[in-house]
Amino acid sequence: MKKLTPFVGIILIIIGTLVLIATRFSTLSTHNSLLITGLLCIIAGIWFHIRSIKHDSRF
């Protein structure tokens, strides 16, 4: 699990992007809950990615 921890942010960004792409190409684009879920996954992924970069940094 420790090997996967630095990549959680990138994985969440990819999942959020895939959710937004799935809602674009299907009839699910009228459901705001899926759009908000994709957006929240991307925001959480960015936050986790920045946090992992700061944790690895010496400064």
PDB file of N, CA and C in Angstrom:
ATOM      1  N   MET A   1       0.822  -1.194   0.000  1.00  0.00           N
ATOM      2  CA  MET A   1       0.000   0.000   0.000  1.00  0.00           C
ATOM      3  C   MET A   1       0.868   1.261   0.000  1.00  0.00           C
ATOM      4  N   LYS A   2       2.034   1.180   0.633  1.00  0.00           N
ATOM      5  CA  LYS A   2       2.901   2.360   0.673  1.00  0.00           C
ATOM      6  C   LYS A   2       3.418   2.716  -0.709  1.00  0.00           C
ATOM      7  N   LYS A   3       3.526   1.731  -1.598  1.00  0.00           N
ATOM      8  CA  LYS A   3       3.978   2.013  -2.959  1.00  0.00           C
ATOM      9  C   LYS A   3       2.909   2.756  -3.748  1.00  0.00           C
ATOM     10  N   LEU A   4       1.657   2.548  -3.395  1.00  0.00           N
ATOM     11  CA  LEU A   4       0.534   3.160  -4.113  1.00  0.00           C
ATOM     12  C   LEU A   4       0.186   4.545  -3.574  1.00  0.00           C
ATOM     13  N   THR A   5       0.578   4.859  -2.370  1.00  0.00           N
ATOM     14  CA  THR A   5       0.195   6.108  -1.720  1.00  0.00           C
ATOM     15  C   THR A   5       0.593   7.366  -2.499  1.00  0.00           C
ATOM     16  N   PRO A   6       1.794   7.458  -3.085  1.00  0.00           N
ATOM     17  CA  PRO A   6       2.123   8.693  -3.819  1.00  0.00           C
ATOM     18  C   PRO A   6       1.293   8.900  -5.083  1.00  0.00           C
ATOM     19  N   PHE A   7       0.658   7.845  -5.563  1.00  0.00           N
ATOM     20  CA  PHE A   7      -0.083   7.941  -6.812  1.00  0.00           C
ATOM     21  C   PHE A   7      -1.590   8.075  -6.630  1.00  0.00           C
ATOM     22  N   VAL A   8      -2.053   8.228  -5.403  1.00  0.00           N
ATOM     23  CA  VAL A   8      -3.492   8.349  -5.138  1.00  0.00           C
ATOM     24  C   VAL A   8      -4.060   9.595  -5.815  1.00  0.00           C
ATOM     25  N   GLY A   9      -3.320  10.685  -5.793  1.00  0.00           N
ATOM     26  CA  GLY A   9      -3.797  11.921  -6.420  1.00  0.00           C
ATOM     27  C   GLY A   9      -3.983  11.767  -7.912  1.00  0.00           C
ATOM     28  N   ILE A  10      -3.014  11.160  -8.576  1.00  0.00           N
ATOM     29  CA  ILE A  10      -3.102  10.959 -10.022  1.00  0.00           C
ATOM     30  C   ILE A  10      -4.242   9.997 -10.359  1.00  0.00           C
ATOM     31  N   ILE A  11      -4.405   8.956  -9.551  1.00  0.00           N
ATOM     32  CA  ILE A  11      -5.481   7.993  -9.790  1.00  0.00           C
ATOM     33  C   ILE A  11      -6.843   8.664  -9.648  1.00  0.00           C
ATOM     34  N   LEU A  12      -7.003   9.527  -8.641  1.00  0.00           N
ATOM     35  CA  LEU A  12      -8.279  10.238  -8.468  1.00  0.00           C
ATOM     36  C   LEU A  12      -8.550  11.200  -9.627  1.00  0.00           C
ATOM     37  N   ILE A  13      -7.513  11.855 -10.129  1.00  0.00           N
ATOM     38  CA  ILE A  13      -7.692  12.749 -11.272  1.00  0.00           C
ATOM     39  C   ILE A  13      -8.139  11.957 -12.497  1.00  0.00           C
ATOM     40  N   ILE A  14      -7.543  10.795 -12.718  1.00  0.00           N
ATOM     41  CA  ILE A  14      -7.924   9.959 -13.864  1.00  0.00           C
ATOM     42  C   ILE A  14      -9.352   9.445 -13.709  1.00  0.00           C
ATOM     43  N   ILE A  15      -9.722   9.026 -12.513  1.00  0.00           N
ATOM     44  CA  ILE A  15     -11.092   8.537 -12.285  1.00  0.00           C
ATOM     45  C   ILE A  15     -12.104   9.658 -12.503  1.00  0.00           C
ATOM     46  N   GLY A  16     -11.804  10.850 -11.990  1.00  0.00           N
ATOM     47  CA  GLY A  16     -12.706  11.983 -12.197  1.00  0.00           C
ATOM     48  C   GLY A  16     -12.850  12.344 -13.652  1.00  0.00           C
ATOM     49  N   THR A  17     -11.743  12.289 -14.392  1.00  0.00           N
ATOM     50  CA  THR A  17     -11.794  12.575 -15.823  1.00  0.00           C
ATOM     51  C   THR A  17     -12.615  11.525 -16.563  1.00  0.00           C
ATOM     52  N   LEU A  18     -12.441  10.265 -16.202  1.00  0.00           N
ATOM     53  CA  LEU A  18     -13.217   9.201 -16.852  1.00  0.00           C
ATOM     54  C   LEU A  18     -14.707   9.324 -16.554  1.00  0.00           C
ATOM     55  N   VAL A  19     -15.050   9.756 -15.349  1.00  0.00           N
ATOM     56  CA  VAL A  19     -16.466   9.965 -15.012  1.00  0.00           C
ATOM     57  C   VAL A  19     -17.044  11.091 -15.862  1.00  0.00           C
ATOM     58  N   LEU A  20     -16.296  12.177 -16.019  1.00  0.00           N
ATOM     59  CA  LEU A  20     -16.788  13.284 -16.837  1.00  0.00           C
ATOM     60  C   LEU A  20     -16.887  12.892 -18.306  1.00  0.00           C
ATOM     61  N   ILE A  21     -15.952  12.091 -18.797  1.00  0.00           N
ATOM     62  CA  ILE A  21     -16.021  11.620 -20.185  1.00  0.00           C
ATOM     63  C   ILE A  21     -17.212  10.689 -20.368  1.00  0.00           C
ATOM     64  N   ALA A  22     -17.462   9.827 -19.384  1.00  0.00           N
ATOM     65  CA  ALA A  22     -18.592   8.895 -19.479  1.00  0.00           C
ATOM     66  C   ALA A  22     -19.928   9.638 -19.504  1.00  0.00           C
ATOM     67  N   THR A  23     -20.031  10.711 -18.735  1.00  0.00           N
ATOM     68  CA  THR A  23     -21.288  11.458 -18.749  1.00  0.00           C
ATOM     69  C   THR A  23     -21.452  12.240 -20.052  1.00  0.00           C
ATOM     70  N   ARG A  24     -20.353  12.571 -20.690  1.00  0.00           N
ATOM     71  CA  ARG A  24     -20.421  13.324 -21.952  1.00  0.00           C
ATOM     72  C   ARG A  24     -20.942  12.455 -23.095  1.00  0.00           C
ATOM     73  N   PHE A  25     -20.493  11.206 -23.146  1.00  0.00           N
ATOM     74  CA  PHE A  25     -20.841  10.345 -24.262  1.00  0.00           C
ATOM     75  C   PHE A  25     -22.079   9.490 -24.018  1.00  0.00           C
ATOM     76  N   SER A  26     -22.691   9.610 -22.884  1.00  0.00           N
ATOM     77  CA  SER A  26     -23.926   8.874 -22.624  1.00  0.00           C
ATOM     78  C   SER A  26     -25.038   9.865 -22.307  1.00  0.00           C
ATOM     79  N   THR A  27     -26.180   9.339 -21.996  1.00  0.00           N
ATOM     80  CA  THR A  27     -27.329  10.202 -21.691  1.00  0.00           C
ATOM     81  C   THR A  27     -27.348  10.609 -20.223  1.00  0.00           C
ATOM     82  N   LEU A  28     -26.266  10.380 -19.512  1.00  0.00           N
ATOM     83  CA  LEU A  28     -26.207  10.688 -18.086  1.00  0.00           C
ATOM     84  C   LEU A  28     -25.813  12.126 -17.796  1.00  0.00           C
ATOM     85  N   SER A  29     -25.642  12.946 -18.824  1.00  0.00           N
ATOM     86  CA  SER A  29     -25.172  14.316 -18.600  1.00  0.00           C
ATOM     87  C   SER A  29     -26.226  15.203 -17.939  1.00  0.00           C
ATOM     88  N   THR A  30     -27.449  14.721 -17.858  1.00  0.00           N
ATOM     89  CA  THR A  30     -28.479  15.516 -17.199  1.00  0.00           C
ATOM     90  C   THR A  30     -28.471  15.320 -15.684  1.00  0.00           C
ATOM     91  N   HIS A  31     -27.713  14.345 -15.210  1.00  0.00           N
ATOM     92  CA  HIS A  31     -27.629  14.078 -13.770  1.00  0.00           C
ATOM     93  C   HIS A  31     -26.459  14.858 -13.185  1.00  0.00           C
ATOM     94  N   ASN A  32     -26.770  15.836 -12.391  1.00  0.00           N
ATOM     95  CA  ASN A  32     -25.730  16.684 -11.815  1.00  0.00           C
ATOM     96  C   ASN A  32     -24.873  15.949 -10.794  1.00  0.00           C
ATOM     97  N   SER A  33     -25.403  14.904 -10.192  1.00  0.00           N
ATOM     98  CA  SER A  33     -24.628  14.181  -9.178  1.00  0.00           C
ATOM     99  C   SER A  33     -23.392  13.532  -9.784  1.00  0.00           C
ATOM    100  N   LEU A  34     -23.485  13.010 -10.985  1.00  0.00           N
ATOM    101  CA  LEU A  34     -22.318  12.429 -11.628  1.00  0.00           C
ATOM    102  C   LEU A  34     -21.305  13.496 -12.027  1.00  0.00           C
ATOM    103  N   LEU A  35     -21.785  14.636 -12.460  1.00  0.00           N
ATOM    104  CA  LEU A  35     -20.876  15.714 -12.824  1.00  0.00           C
ATOM    105  C   LEU A  35     -20.149  16.254 -11.595  1.00  0.00           C
ATOM    106  N   ILE A  36     -20.874  16.373 -10.487  1.00  0.00           N
ATOM    107  CA  ILE A  36     -20.257  16.850  -9.249  1.00  0.00           C
ATOM    108  C   ILE A  36     -19.279  15.813  -8.706  1.00  0.00           C
ATOM    109  N   THR A  37     -19.608  14.520  -8.850  1.00  0.00           N
ATOM    110  CA  THR A  37     -18.699  13.467  -8.411  1.00  0.00           C
ATOM    111  C   THR A  37     -17.387  13.525  -9.179  1.00  0.00           C
ATOM    112  N   GLY A  38     -17.457  13.699 -10.483  1.00  0.00           N
ATOM    113  CA  GLY A  38     -16.241  13.822 -11.286  1.00  0.00           C
ATOM    114  C   GLY A  38     -15.420  15.032 -10.884  1.00  0.00           C
ATOM    115  N   LEU A  39     -16.086  16.152 -10.655  1.00  0.00           N
ATOM    116  CA  LEU A  39     -15.394  17.374 -10.246  1.00  0.00           C
ATOM    117  C   LEU A  39     -14.730  17.203  -8.881  1.00  0.00           C
ATOM    118  N   LEU A  40     -15.433  16.593  -7.938  1.00  0.00           N
ATOM    119  CA  LEU A  40     -14.861  16.385  -6.609  1.00  0.00           C
ATOM    120  C   LEU A  40     -13.685  15.419  -6.644  1.00  0.00           C
ATOM    121  N   CYS A  41     -13.747  14.409  -7.504  1.00  0.00           N
ATOM    122  CA  CYS A  41     -12.612  13.491  -7.642  1.00  0.00           C
ATOM    123  C   CYS A  41     -11.393  14.224  -8.177  1.00  0.00           C
ATOM    124  N   ILE A  42     -11.587  15.102  -9.129  1.00  0.00           N
ATOM    125  CA  ILE A  42     -10.465  15.857  -9.694  1.00  0.00           C
ATOM    126  C   ILE A  42      -9.886  16.811  -8.656  1.00  0.00           C
ATOM    127  N   ILE A  43     -10.740  17.499  -7.923  1.00  0.00           N
ATOM    128  CA  ILE A  43     -10.257  18.425  -6.891  1.00  0.00           C
ATOM    129  C   ILE A  43      -9.524  17.675  -5.793  1.00  0.00           C
ATOM    130  N   ALA A  44     -10.072  16.540  -5.351  1.00  0.00           N
ATOM    131  CA  ALA A  44      -9.395  15.740  -4.317  1.00  0.00           C
ATOM    132  C   ALA A  44      -8.077  15.188  -4.842  1.00  0.00           C
ATOM    133  N   GLY A  45      -8.041  14.794  -6.099  1.00  0.00           N
ATOM    134  CA  GLY A  45      -6.808  14.287  -6.683  1.00  0.00           C
ATOM    135  C   GLY A  45      -5.726  15.343  -6.746  1.00  0.00           C
ATOM    136  N   ILE A  46      -6.097  16.559  -7.102  1.00  0.00           N
ATOM    137  CA  ILE A  46      -5.127  17.660  -7.127  1.00  0.00           C
ATOM    138  C   ILE A  46      -4.613  17.929  -5.719  1.00  0.00           C
ATOM    139  N   TRP A  47      -5.507  17.917  -4.750  1.00  0.00           N
ATOM    140  CA  TRP A  47      -5.108  18.162  -3.365  1.00  0.00           C
ATOM    141  C   TRP A  47      -4.148  17.083  -2.861  1.00  0.00           C
ATOM    142  N   PHE A  48      -4.470  15.799  -3.128  1.00  0.00           N
ATOM    143  CA  PHE A  48      -3.600  14.709  -2.698  1.00  0.00           C
ATOM    144  C   PHE A  48      -2.251  14.749  -3.421  1.00  0.00           C
ATOM    145  N   HIS A  49      -2.255  15.119  -4.682  1.00  0.00           N
ATOM    146  CA  HIS A  49      -1.011  15.184  -5.439  1.00  0.00           C
ATOM    147  C   HIS A  49      -0.101  16.293  -4.901  1.00  0.00           C
ATOM    148  N   ILE A  50      -0.654  17.453  -4.638  1.00  0.00           N
ATOM    149  CA  ILE A  50       0.132  18.550  -4.069  1.00  0.00           C
ATOM    150  C   ILE A  50       0.642  18.168  -2.688  1.00  0.00           C
ATOM    151  N   ARG A  51      -0.177  17.512  -1.900  1.00  0.00           N
ATOM    152  CA  ARG A  51       0.226  17.084  -0.564  1.00  0.00           C
ATOM    153  C   ARG A  51       1.364  16.068  -0.623  1.00  0.00           C
ATOM    154  N   SER A  52       1.311  15.149  -1.580  1.00  0.00           N
ATOM    155  CA  SER A  52       2.391  14.170  -1.683  1.00  0.00           C
ATOM    156  C   SER A  52       3.681  14.816  -2.165  1.00  0.00           C
ATOM    157  N   ILE A  53       3.585  15.828  -3.023  1.00  0.00           N
ATOM    158  CA  ILE A  53       4.781  16.536  -3.475  1.00  0.00           C
ATOM    159  C   ILE A  53       5.406  17.298  -2.307  1.00  0.00           C
ATOM    160  N   LYS A  54       4.579  17.950  -1.498  1.00  0.00           N
ATOM    161  CA  LYS A  54       5.103  18.689  -0.350  1.00  0.00           C
ATOM    162  C   LYS A  54       5.715  17.738   0.682  1.00  0.00           C
ATOM    163  N   HIS A  55       5.131  16.565   0.826  1.00  0.00           N
ATOM    164  CA  HIS A  55       5.641  15.605   1.795  1.00  0.00           C
ATOM    165  C   HIS A  55       6.997  15.069   1.367  1.00  0.00           C
ATOM    166  N   ASP A  56       7.230  14.885   0.083  1.00  0.00           N
ATOM    167  CA  ASP A  56       8.497  14.378  -0.423  1.00  0.00           C
ATOM    168  C   ASP A  56       9.577  15.427  -0.478  1.00  0.00           C
ATOM    169  N   SER A  57       9.176  16.695  -0.470  1.00  0.00           N
ATOM    170  CA  SER A  57      10.130  17.788  -0.594  1.00  0.00           C
ATOM    171  C   SER A  57      10.905  17.991   0.715  1.00  0.00           C
ATOM    172  N   ARG A  58      12.087  18.532   0.609  1.00  0.00           N
ATOM    173  CA  ARG A  58      12.889  18.828   1.791  1.00  0.00           C
ATOM    174  C   ARG A  58      12.563  20.194   2.392  1.00  0.00           C
ATOM    175  N   PHE A  59      11.780  20.990   1.718  1.00  0.00           N
ATOM    176  CA  PHE A  59      11.523  22.354   2.172  1.00  0.00           C
ATOM    177  C   PHE A  59      10.234  22.463   2.914  1.00  0.00           C
TER     178      PHE A  59
END
